[in-house]
């Protein structure tokens, strides 16, 4: 479900507002939505970008997300126009995770004994002892939910899907309704078809719902971090052993490695195993929602996990979350307490392994660190090229800021149209913001929403809007119109 809508709407779900409410001059500027140094994002800009994107709900989180992305892209374009080598940026935070991963691998090779040799016969016996690998093909109709929806909003959207389910049971074509209503625009064009997928490739609630179906059977309404779904299983097939053998071998080897690693870490823990600190789960969920939250030094040093001789701190988790995809952060937010505890303990144990690798003299030399930093720098330059920010279309005598503003607007429009992928800048974005006045105007966000609503209200309602209205009416005790379109 990595379609244009899910990419941008999911970004909106975890939108971070750097500074809602700007300085006095900005507050007096009724047309200002965001500022980055001398650059301005206006209400007119936001309306022009979002007015036709009706799959994105008219909510503050969507506009704030767009403003955050505009800030990142503007600062990236400004930086690359000044220096295409990014010589002033420190890329070591970006390469630290790769360095630590290499250190753990070296520690595993030198200290942790792992038997990963598996004969073909042994592999086939292991495969036969487990449930055969299953591939599933399904269709779905998905409607998105507002950010932090109320029970009434959730019930209203669910009611729309329940109405669609009744129509399908009565003989309406699933494919036709998916094309008409589904807000996963990529699969909607194919009648909701997601193609074949294996276990673990889609989020757990969706996978569980599909596994419970027989081919041709329709699911009840299912909620996931992406939205609310109606699913039909099209086909279930068991993969041939020869086809699955390489991936199955890798999985068995990874399981054996994890077991050996856990045994080694248990020895490191000794009599003081790591313990999750009080309040750590709530902090973890909040950071997953807002990974860019500004933290004081004291807050960043707050322990999430404690053990004898060490801690895993809030600042470390925040840095990690800057690298993670939105879907992973959504899983953290929606995870159970037990799942979050397991997640935090795994991070603490990995830190213990890195510390042991460091004590064993396994830190990479400066040349390796510089090599990894060069790779990250090249990736950032590639992103700037893909977004069209490397070569500005600057007219003779034109102010460079005008050309940058135009290039950023086009980059955002291409993201929304699905022509290019969204490029969150993570920690590099935070570095680019240092020393640059940044603000997002809450009043400007509100004015943008009003203008977008006015533009959309002036048009004929779409079938989806009519159904949502019908669902809301049903929730209020009125019978929705379930006639065909």
Protein backbone atom coordinates (compact mmCIF):
# COMPACT_ATOMS: atom_id res chain seq x y z
CA UNK A 1 0.00 0.00 0.00
CA UNK A 2 2.91 2.37 -0.73
CA UNK A 3 0.87 4.62 -2.97
CA UNK A 4 0.95 8.41 -3.32
CA UNK A 5 -1.91 8.88 -0.89
CA UNK A 6 -0.46 6.60 1.76
CA UNK A 7 2.98 8.12 1.45
CA UNK A 8 1.79 11.69 2.00
CA UNK A 9 -1.15 11.03 4.29
CA UNK A 10 1.02 8.84 6.50
CA UNK A 11 3.53 11.68 6.67
CA UNK A 12 0.65 13.87 7.80
CA UNK A 13 -0.25 11.43 10.56
CA UNK A 14 3.13 11.99 12.20
CA UNK A 15 3.42 15.68 11.31
CA UNK A 16 5.67 17.74 13.56
CA UNK A 17 5.06 21.42 14.13
CA UNK A 18 8.32 23.24 14.77
CA UNK A 19 6.79 26.47 16.02
CA UNK A 20 3.07 27.00 15.79
CA UNK A 21 2.63 30.71 16.13
CA UNK A 22 5.42 32.86 14.79
CA UNK A 23 6.97 36.14 15.85
CA UNK A 24 4.90 39.30 16.08
CA UNK A 25 5.57 40.38 12.49
CA UNK A 26 4.61 36.95 11.19
CA UNK A 27 1.45 36.87 13.29
CA UNK A 28 0.38 40.11 11.64
CA UNK A 29 0.89 38.63 8.17
CA UNK A 30 -2.47 37.03 7.41
CA UNK A 31 -1.15 35.28 4.31
CA UNK A 32 1.84 33.54 5.96
CA UNK A 33 1.81 29.79 6.67
CA UNK A 34 5.53 29.13 7.21
CA UNK A 35 8.83 30.95 7.17
CA UNK A 36 12.38 29.65 6.69
CA UNK A 37 14.85 32.50 6.89
CA UNK A 38 13.92 34.91 4.11
CA UNK A 39 11.62 32.39 2.38
CA UNK A 40 7.84 32.37 2.85
CA UNK A 41 5.11 29.78 2.28
CA UNK A 42 1.79 31.56 1.82
CA UNK A 43 -1.84 30.59 2.16
CA UNK A 44 -2.14 30.99 -1.62
CA UNK A 45 0.71 28.48 -2.11
CA UNK A 46 -0.90 25.91 0.18
CA UNK A 47 -4.33 26.26 -1.41
CA UNK A 48 -2.90 25.87 -4.90
CA UNK A 49 -1.01 22.70 -3.88
CA UNK A 50 -3.78 21.00 -1.89
CA UNK A 51 -7.12 22.12 -3.33
CA UNK A 52 -7.23 19.28 -5.89
CA UNK A 53 -5.79 16.59 -3.57
CA UNK A 54 -9.17 15.47 -2.28
CA UNK A 55 -7.79 12.18 -0.97
CA UNK A 56 -5.99 14.25 1.68
CA UNK A 57 -8.40 15.30 4.43
CA UNK A 58 -8.73 19.04 5.12
CA UNK A 59 -6.97 18.90 8.49
CA UNK A 60 -4.31 20.99 10.20
CA UNK A 61 -1.93 18.01 10.34
CA UNK A 62 -1.90 17.79 6.53
CA UNK A 63 -1.09 21.49 6.09
CA UNK A 64 1.52 21.30 8.86
CA UNK A 65 3.10 18.30 7.12
CA UNK A 66 3.25 20.19 3.86
CA UNK A 67 4.80 23.17 5.66
CA UNK A 68 7.42 20.93 7.31
CA UNK A 69 8.33 19.42 3.97
CA UNK A 70 8.45 22.87 2.39
CA UNK A 71 10.90 23.98 5.10
CA UNK A 72 13.14 20.94 4.52
CA UNK A 73 13.13 21.34 0.75
CA UNK A 74 13.70 25.10 0.93
CA UNK A 75 16.69 24.70 3.24
CA UNK A 76 18.06 21.87 1.08
CA UNK A 77 17.74 23.97 -2.08
CA UNK A 78 19.34 26.94 -0.31
CA UNK A 79 22.22 24.79 0.97
CA UNK A 80 22.92 23.11 -2.36
CA UNK A 81 22.84 26.46 -4.15
CA UNK A 82 25.54 27.70 -1.75
CA UNK A 83 27.69 24.56 -1.76
CA UNK A 84 27.06 21.36 -3.68
CA UNK A 85 29.57 19.51 -1.46
CA UNK A 86 27.66 20.20 1.79
CA UNK A 87 31.04 20.81 3.42
CA UNK A 88 29.47 22.51 6.45
CA UNK A 89 27.24 19.53 7.34
CA UNK A 90 28.28 16.85 9.82
CA UNK A 91 27.24 13.47 8.42
CA UNK A 92 28.62 11.43 11.32
CA UNK A 93 25.22 11.14 13.08
CA UNK A 94 23.85 9.63 9.87
CA UNK A 95 26.58 7.01 9.61
CA UNK A 96 26.66 6.12 13.31
CA UNK A 97 24.00 3.44 12.97
CA UNK A 98 25.84 1.77 10.09
CA UNK A 99 29.09 1.93 12.08
CA UNK A 100 27.43 0.33 15.09
CA UNK A 101 25.90 -2.37 12.89
CA UNK A 102 29.33 -3.23 11.50
CA UNK A 103 30.80 -3.33 15.01
CA UNK A 104 28.13 -5.78 16.16
CA UNK A 105 28.72 -7.96 13.10
CA UNK A 106 32.45 -8.04 13.82
CA UNK A 107 31.77 -8.86 17.48
CA UNK A 108 29.47 -11.65 16.41
CA UNK A 109 32.10 -13.05 14.05
CA UNK A 110 34.90 -12.86 16.61
CA UNK A 111 33.15 -13.71 19.88
CA UNK A 112 29.61 -14.99 19.39
CA UNK A 113 29.54 -18.54 18.12
CA UNK A 114 26.75 -19.04 15.59
CA UNK A 115 26.20 -22.27 13.68
CA UNK A 116 24.48 -21.13 10.49
CA UNK A 117 25.50 -24.08 8.29
CA UNK A 118 22.38 -25.90 7.11
CA UNK A 119 22.40 -28.81 4.68
CA UNK A 120 19.72 -28.91 1.96
CA UNK A 121 18.19 -31.98 3.63
CA UNK A 122 18.07 -30.28 7.03
CA UNK A 123 16.53 -27.19 5.48
CA UNK A 124 13.78 -29.24 3.82
CA UNK A 125 13.04 -31.04 7.11
CA UNK A 126 12.77 -27.70 8.93
CA UNK A 127 10.46 -26.39 6.21
CA UNK A 128 8.24 -29.47 6.43
CA UNK A 129 7.95 -29.07 10.20
CA UNK A 130 6.53 -25.56 9.82
CA UNK A 131 3.45 -24.32 8.03
CA UNK A 132 4.29 -24.03 4.32
CA UNK A 133 4.93 -20.53 3.07
CA UNK A 134 1.69 -19.04 1.81
CA UNK A 135 1.23 -16.30 -0.75
CA UNK A 136 -2.01 -14.36 -0.75
CA UNK A 137 -3.68 -12.14 -3.30
CA UNK A 138 -6.34 -9.74 -2.10
CA UNK A 139 -8.30 -6.66 -3.04
CA UNK A 140 -9.26 -3.89 -0.66
CA UNK A 141 -11.21 -0.68 -0.39
CA UNK A 142 -9.55 1.73 2.03
CA UNK A 143 -10.80 4.97 3.59
CA UNK A 144 -8.43 7.09 5.65
CA UNK A 145 -9.11 8.41 9.13
CA UNK A 146 -8.46 11.90 10.49
CA UNK A 147 -5.41 12.40 12.70
CA UNK A 148 -6.26 11.05 16.19
CA UNK A 149 -9.90 10.37 15.20
CA UNK A 150 -12.74 10.51 17.66
CA UNK A 151 -14.94 7.45 18.16
CA UNK A 152 -17.70 9.20 16.20
CA UNK A 153 -15.39 9.86 13.25
CA UNK A 154 -14.16 6.27 13.27
CA UNK A 155 -17.73 4.97 13.42
CA UNK A 156 -18.80 7.28 10.59
CA UNK A 157 -16.07 6.05 8.21
CA UNK A 158 -16.73 2.43 9.26
CA UNK A 159 -20.41 2.93 8.47
CA UNK A 160 -19.52 3.93 4.91
CA UNK A 161 -17.57 0.71 4.43
CA UNK A 162 -20.37 -1.32 6.02
CA UNK A 163 -22.73 0.18 3.44
CA UNK A 164 -20.31 -0.75 0.65
CA UNK A 165 -20.07 -4.27 2.06
CA UNK A 166 -23.86 -4.62 1.93
CA UNK A 167 -23.86 -3.49 -1.69
CA UNK A 168 -21.17 -6.05 -2.60
CA UNK A 169 -23.05 -8.84 -0.84
CA UNK A 170 -26.14 -7.76 -2.80
CA UNK A 171 -24.24 -8.15 -6.07
CA UNK A 172 -22.35 -4.90 -6.69
CA UNK A 173 -18.87 -5.32 -8.19
CA UNK A 174 -16.05 -5.04 -5.65
CA UNK A 175 -13.68 -3.79 -8.36
CA UNK A 176 -16.03 -1.02 -9.45
CA UNK A 177 -16.59 0.20 -5.90
CA UNK A 178 -12.85 0.09 -5.19
CA UNK A 179 -12.15 2.29 -8.21
CA UNK A 180 -14.87 4.70 -7.11
CA UNK A 181 -14.32 4.92 -3.37
CA UNK A 182 -10.91 3.58 -2.28
CA UNK A 183 -8.49 6.25 -1.09
CA UNK A 184 -5.50 3.98 -1.79
CA UNK A 185 -5.30 5.44 -5.25
CA UNK A 186 -2.62 3.09 -6.56
CA UNK A 187 -4.58 -0.10 -5.94
CA UNK A 188 -7.92 1.62 -6.62
CA UNK A 189 -6.97 1.97 -10.29
CA UNK A 190 -6.62 -1.83 -10.39
CA UNK A 191 -9.98 -2.43 -8.72
CA UNK A 192 -8.33 -2.62 -5.30
CA UNK A 193 -5.94 -5.41 -6.37
CA UNK A 194 -2.83 -5.63 -4.17
CA UNK A 195 -1.29 -8.53 -6.08
CA UNK A 196 0.42 -11.42 -4.32
CA UNK A 197 2.13 -10.86 -0.99
CA UNK A 198 3.72 -13.13 1.61
CA UNK A 199 3.32 -13.14 5.36
CA UNK A 200 4.99 -10.21 7.05
CA UNK A 201 4.79 -7.90 4.04
CA UNK A 202 1.69 -6.00 5.19
CA UNK A 203 0.71 -4.62 8.59
CA UNK A 204 -0.44 -7.21 11.12
CA UNK A 205 -4.19 -6.38 11.39
CA UNK A 206 -4.51 -6.51 7.60
CA UNK A 207 -2.58 -9.77 7.33
CA UNK A 208 -4.59 -11.39 10.14
CA UNK A 209 -7.84 -10.44 8.43
CA UNK A 210 -6.70 -11.88 5.08
CA UNK A 211 -5.47 -15.13 6.66
CA UNK A 212 -8.90 -15.65 8.21
CA UNK A 213 -10.60 -15.57 4.79
CA UNK A 214 -11.26 -18.20 2.17
CA UNK A 215 -10.86 -17.25 -1.51
CA UNK A 216 -13.81 -15.13 -2.60
CA UNK A 217 -14.79 -14.32 0.99
CA UNK A 218 -15.32 -10.75 2.18
CA UNK A 219 -13.85 -9.48 5.46
CA UNK A 220 -15.61 -7.40 8.08
CA UNK A 221 -14.39 -3.82 8.39
CA UNK A 222 -10.71 -3.84 9.45
CA UNK A 223 -8.72 -0.95 10.96
CA UNK A 224 -4.95 -0.57 10.48
CA UNK A 225 -2.55 2.37 10.95
CA UNK A 226 -3.21 3.25 7.29
CA UNK A 227 -6.98 3.54 7.60
CA UNK A 228 -10.12 1.36 7.56
CA UNK A 229 -10.41 -1.44 5.02
CA UNK A 230 -12.84 -3.82 3.40
CA UNK A 231 -10.92 -6.84 2.07
CA UNK A 232 -11.67 -9.70 -0.30
CA UNK A 233 -9.28 -12.65 -0.60
CA UNK A 234 -8.80 -13.51 -4.26
CA UNK A 235 -6.33 -16.38 -4.15
CA UNK A 236 -4.22 -18.39 -1.72
CA UNK A 237 -1.29 -20.46 -2.95
CA UNK A 238 1.48 -22.45 -1.29
CA UNK A 239 4.90 -21.56 -2.58
CA UNK A 240 7.09 -24.33 -4.00
CA UNK A 241 9.97 -25.28 -1.68
CA UNK A 242 12.60 -24.63 -4.36
CA UNK A 243 11.16 -21.16 -4.85
CA UNK A 244 11.16 -20.30 -1.17
CA UNK A 245 14.35 -22.13 -0.13
CA UNK A 246 16.81 -19.16 -0.30
CA UNK A 247 14.57 -16.86 1.74
CA UNK A 248 13.71 -19.66 4.17
CA UNK A 249 17.39 -20.47 4.68
CA UNK A 250 18.14 -16.80 5.41
CA UNK A 251 15.30 -16.71 7.95
CA UNK A 252 16.52 -19.82 9.78
CA UNK A 253 20.05 -18.44 9.87
CA UNK A 254 18.78 -15.10 11.21
CA UNK A 255 16.85 -16.91 13.93
CA UNK A 256 19.95 -18.86 14.97
CA UNK A 257 22.02 -15.69 15.00
CA UNK A 258 19.43 -13.90 17.14
CA UNK A 259 19.38 -16.80 19.60
CA UNK A 260 23.18 -16.81 19.92
CA UNK A 261 23.21 -13.05 20.27
CA UNK A 262 20.57 -13.18 23.03
CA UNK A 263 22.63 -15.80 24.89
CA UNK A 264 25.72 -13.59 24.66
CA UNK A 265 23.79 -10.51 25.83
CA UNK A 266 22.33 -12.50 28.74
CA UNK A 267 25.88 -13.18 29.88
CA UNK A 268 26.69 -9.46 29.60
CA UNK A 269 23.63 -8.58 31.63
CA UNK A 270 24.75 -10.77 34.50
CA UNK A 271 22.76 -10.09 37.62
CA UNK A 272 21.46 -6.72 36.39
CA UNK A 273 19.29 -7.23 33.30
CA UNK A 274 17.99 -4.03 31.65
CA UNK A 275 14.72 -2.65 33.02
CA UNK A 276 12.31 -0.29 31.29
CA UNK A 277 11.99 2.95 33.25
CA UNK A 278 8.68 4.20 34.60
CA UNK A 279 6.86 6.33 32.03
CA UNK A 280 9.14 5.15 29.19
CA UNK A 281 6.31 3.67 27.13
CA UNK A 282 4.35 6.93 27.03
CA UNK A 283 7.51 8.84 26.06
CA UNK A 284 8.24 6.30 23.31
CA UNK A 285 4.77 6.65 21.81
CA UNK A 286 4.95 10.44 21.91
CA UNK A 287 8.35 10.48 20.20
CA UNK A 288 7.03 8.11 17.52
CA UNK A 289 4.16 10.55 16.91
CA UNK A 290 6.45 13.58 16.89
CA UNK A 291 10.06 12.52 16.23
CA UNK A 292 11.14 16.12 15.70
CA UNK A 293 10.02 17.40 19.09
CA UNK A 294 12.54 19.86 20.53
CA UNK A 295 14.20 18.44 23.64
CA UNK A 296 16.24 20.14 26.32
CA UNK A 297 19.53 18.53 27.26
CA UNK A 298 18.00 17.18 30.45
CA UNK A 299 15.01 15.69 28.62
CA UNK A 300 17.26 14.08 26.00
CA UNK A 301 19.29 12.41 28.75
CA UNK A 302 16.26 10.91 30.47
CA UNK A 303 16.71 7.11 30.72
CA UNK A 304 14.19 4.89 28.97
CA UNK A 305 16.00 1.67 29.98
CA UNK A 306 18.43 1.22 32.88
CA UNK A 307 21.01 -1.48 33.60
CA UNK A 308 24.12 -1.75 35.71
CA UNK A 309 26.69 0.50 34.10
CA UNK A 310 24.48 2.03 31.43
CA UNK A 311 21.24 3.55 30.14
CA UNK A 312 19.36 3.94 26.87
CA UNK A 313 18.20 7.55 26.69
CA UNK A 314 15.39 9.57 25.10
CA UNK A 315 17.80 11.42 22.80
CA UNK A 316 19.09 8.14 21.38
CA UNK A 317 15.57 6.98 20.57
CA UNK A 318 14.74 10.31 18.96
CA UNK A 319 17.80 10.05 16.74
CA UNK A 320 16.85 6.50 15.75
CA UNK A 321 13.29 7.52 14.87
CA UNK A 322 14.59 10.16 12.46
CA UNK A 323 15.76 7.31 10.22
CA UNK A 324 12.64 5.17 10.43
CA UNK A 325 9.82 5.02 7.93
CA UNK A 326 6.41 6.37 8.92
CA UNK A 327 4.89 2.87 8.94
CA UNK A 328 7.38 1.75 11.57
CA UNK A 329 6.63 4.77 13.76
CA UNK A 330 2.90 4.09 13.36
CA UNK A 331 3.46 0.55 14.60
CA UNK A 332 5.19 1.93 17.70
CA UNK A 333 2.26 4.26 18.39
CA UNK A 334 -0.26 1.43 17.98
CA UNK A 335 1.85 -1.22 19.73
CA UNK A 336 0.86 -2.87 22.99
CA UNK A 337 2.78 -2.16 26.18
CA UNK A 338 4.39 -5.59 25.92
CA UNK A 339 5.50 -4.93 22.34
CA UNK A 340 6.97 -1.55 23.29
CA UNK A 341 8.85 -3.05 26.22
CA UNK A 342 10.34 -5.70 23.92
CA UNK A 343 11.29 -2.97 21.44
CA UNK A 344 13.03 -0.83 24.08
CA UNK A 345 14.85 -3.81 25.59
CA UNK A 346 16.12 -4.80 22.15
CA UNK A 347 17.55 -1.29 21.70
CA UNK A 348 19.22 -1.48 25.11
CA UNK A 349 20.75 -4.87 24.35
CA UNK A 350 22.05 -3.62 21.02
CA UNK A 351 23.71 -0.72 22.84
CA UNK A 352 25.32 -3.21 25.22
CA UNK A 353 26.68 -5.15 22.24
CA UNK A 354 28.11 -1.98 20.72
CA UNK A 355 29.79 -1.12 24.01
CA UNK A 356 31.30 -4.60 24.19
CA UNK A 357 32.51 -4.29 20.59
CA UNK A 358 34.15 -0.98 21.47
CA UNK A 359 35.88 -2.53 24.48
CA UNK A 360 37.11 -5.26 22.13
CA UNK A 361 38.73 -2.68 19.86
CA UNK A 362 36.33 -3.15 16.95
CA UNK A 363 35.60 0.51 16.18
CA UNK A 364 36.17 1.36 12.48
CA UNK A 365 39.05 3.61 11.48
CA UNK A 366 38.62 7.20 10.31
CA UNK A 367 38.86 6.20 6.64
CA UNK A 368 35.82 3.92 6.99
CA UNK A 369 33.81 6.63 8.74
CA UNK A 370 34.71 9.15 6.04
CA UNK A 371 33.77 6.65 3.34
CA UNK A 372 30.32 6.12 4.84
CA UNK A 373 29.83 9.89 5.22
CA UNK A 374 30.64 10.31 1.52
CA UNK A 375 27.94 7.78 0.65
CA UNK A 376 25.37 9.72 2.69
CA UNK A 377 26.44 13.01 1.10
CA UNK A 378 26.06 11.48 -2.36
CA UNK A 379 22.59 10.18 -1.45
CA UNK A 380 21.55 13.67 -0.34
CA UNK A 381 22.79 15.13 -3.61
CA UNK A 382 20.88 12.42 -5.50
CA UNK A 383 17.73 13.39 -3.60
CA UNK A 384 18.28 17.05 -4.46
CA UNK A 385 18.63 16.13 -8.14
CA UNK A 386 15.51 13.94 -8.06
CA UNK A 387 13.55 16.83 -6.55
CA UNK A 388 14.83 19.23 -9.20
CA UNK A 389 16.68 21.37 -6.66
CA UNK A 390 20.22 21.05 -8.05
CA UNK A 391 19.93 23.19 -11.16
CA UNK A 392 17.75 26.21 -10.65
CA UNK A 393 15.82 27.63 -13.58
CA UNK A 394 17.01 31.16 -12.80
CA UNK A 395 16.28 33.91 -15.29
CA UNK A 396 19.00 36.52 -15.96
CA UNK A 397 18.96 39.08 -13.18
CA UNK A 398 16.40 37.10 -11.17
CA UNK A 399 16.85 36.89 -7.40
CA UNK A 400 18.08 33.40 -6.53
CA UNK A 401 15.48 33.14 -3.76
CA UNK A 402 12.70 33.48 -6.31
CA UNK A 403 14.15 30.60 -8.33
CA UNK A 404 14.53 28.47 -5.19
CA UNK A 405 10.95 29.20 -4.16
CA UNK A 406 9.69 28.14 -7.60
CA UNK A 407 11.77 24.94 -7.58
CA UNK A 408 10.51 23.94 -4.14
CA UNK A 409 6.89 24.55 -5.14
CA UNK A 410 7.39 22.28 -8.15
CA UNK A 411 9.07 19.60 -6.01
CA UNK A 412 6.07 19.55 -3.65
CA UNK A 413 3.62 19.43 -6.54
CA UNK A 414 5.50 16.46 -8.02
CA UNK A 415 5.40 14.70 -4.63
CA UNK A 416 1.65 15.18 -4.37
CA UNK A 417 1.12 13.96 -7.93
CA UNK A 418 3.19 10.85 -7.25
CA UNK A 419 5.77 11.79 -9.90
CA UNK A 420 8.57 11.83 -7.30
CA UNK A 421 8.92 10.33 -3.85
CA UNK A 422 8.85 12.34 -0.65
CA UNK A 423 12.33 12.86 0.82
CA UNK A 424 12.24 13.56 4.58
CA UNK A 425 15.66 14.91 5.55
CA UNK A 426 15.75 13.64 9.13
CA UNK A 427 18.85 14.69 11.05
CA UNK A 428 20.30 16.54 8.08
CA UNK A 429 17.14 18.65 8.08
CA UNK A 430 17.73 19.56 11.71
CA UNK A 431 21.30 20.56 10.91
CA UNK A 432 20.11 22.73 8.04
CA UNK A 433 17.72 24.50 10.41
CA UNK A 434 20.47 25.56 12.80
CA UNK A 435 20.90 29.32 12.66
CA UNK A 436 17.92 29.78 10.32
CA UNK A 437 14.73 31.34 11.75
CA UNK A 438 11.94 28.78 11.31
CA UNK A 439 8.24 29.22 12.06
CA UNK A 440 4.85 27.79 11.19
CA UNK A 441 1.86 30.04 11.72
CA UNK A 442 -1.13 28.39 13.34
CA UNK A 443 -3.33 31.20 12.04
CA UNK A 444 -2.00 30.66 8.52
CA UNK A 445 -2.71 26.94 8.75
CA UNK A 446 -6.29 27.71 9.78
CA UNK A 447 -6.79 30.21 6.96
CA UNK A 448 -5.47 27.67 4.46
CA UNK A 449 -7.98 25.08 5.65
CA UNK A 450 -10.84 27.55 5.33
CA UNK A 451 -9.80 28.49 1.80
CA UNK A 452 -9.40 24.85 0.74
CA UNK A 453 -12.82 24.02 2.19
CA UNK A 454 -14.37 26.93 0.31
CA UNK A 455 -12.82 25.83 -3.00
CA UNK A 456 -13.90 22.22 -2.58
CA UNK A 457 -17.38 23.17 -1.37
CA UNK A 458 -17.94 25.14 -4.55
CA UNK A 459 -17.58 21.94 -6.58
CA UNK A 460 -20.04 19.11 -7.06
CA UNK A 461 -19.66 16.54 -4.23
CA UNK A 462 -17.78 13.39 -5.14
CA UNK A 463 -19.36 9.94 -4.61
CA UNK A 464 -17.07 9.42 -1.62
CA UNK A 465 -18.21 12.66 0.00
CA UNK A 466 -21.83 11.70 -0.57
CA UNK A 467 -21.21 8.32 1.07
CA UNK A 468 -19.41 9.88 4.03
CA UNK A 469 -22.38 12.19 4.51
CA UNK A 470 -24.66 9.15 4.33
CA UNK A 471 -22.51 7.34 6.89
CA UNK A 472 -22.69 10.31 9.23
CA UNK A 473 -26.45 10.41 8.80
CA UNK A 474 -26.65 6.71 9.59
CA UNK A 475 -24.68 7.31 12.76
CA UNK A 476 -27.25 9.92 13.73
CA UNK A 477 -30.11 7.45 13.29
CA UNK A 478 -31.01 8.20 9.67
CA UNK A 479 -31.08 5.48 7.03
CA UNK A 480 -28.32 5.97 4.44
CA UNK A 481 -29.09 5.76 0.75
CA UNK A 482 -27.49 2.51 -0.40
CA UNK A 483 -28.61 2.76 -3.99
CA UNK A 484 -25.99 2.34 -6.67
CA UNK A 485 -24.25 5.38 -8.10
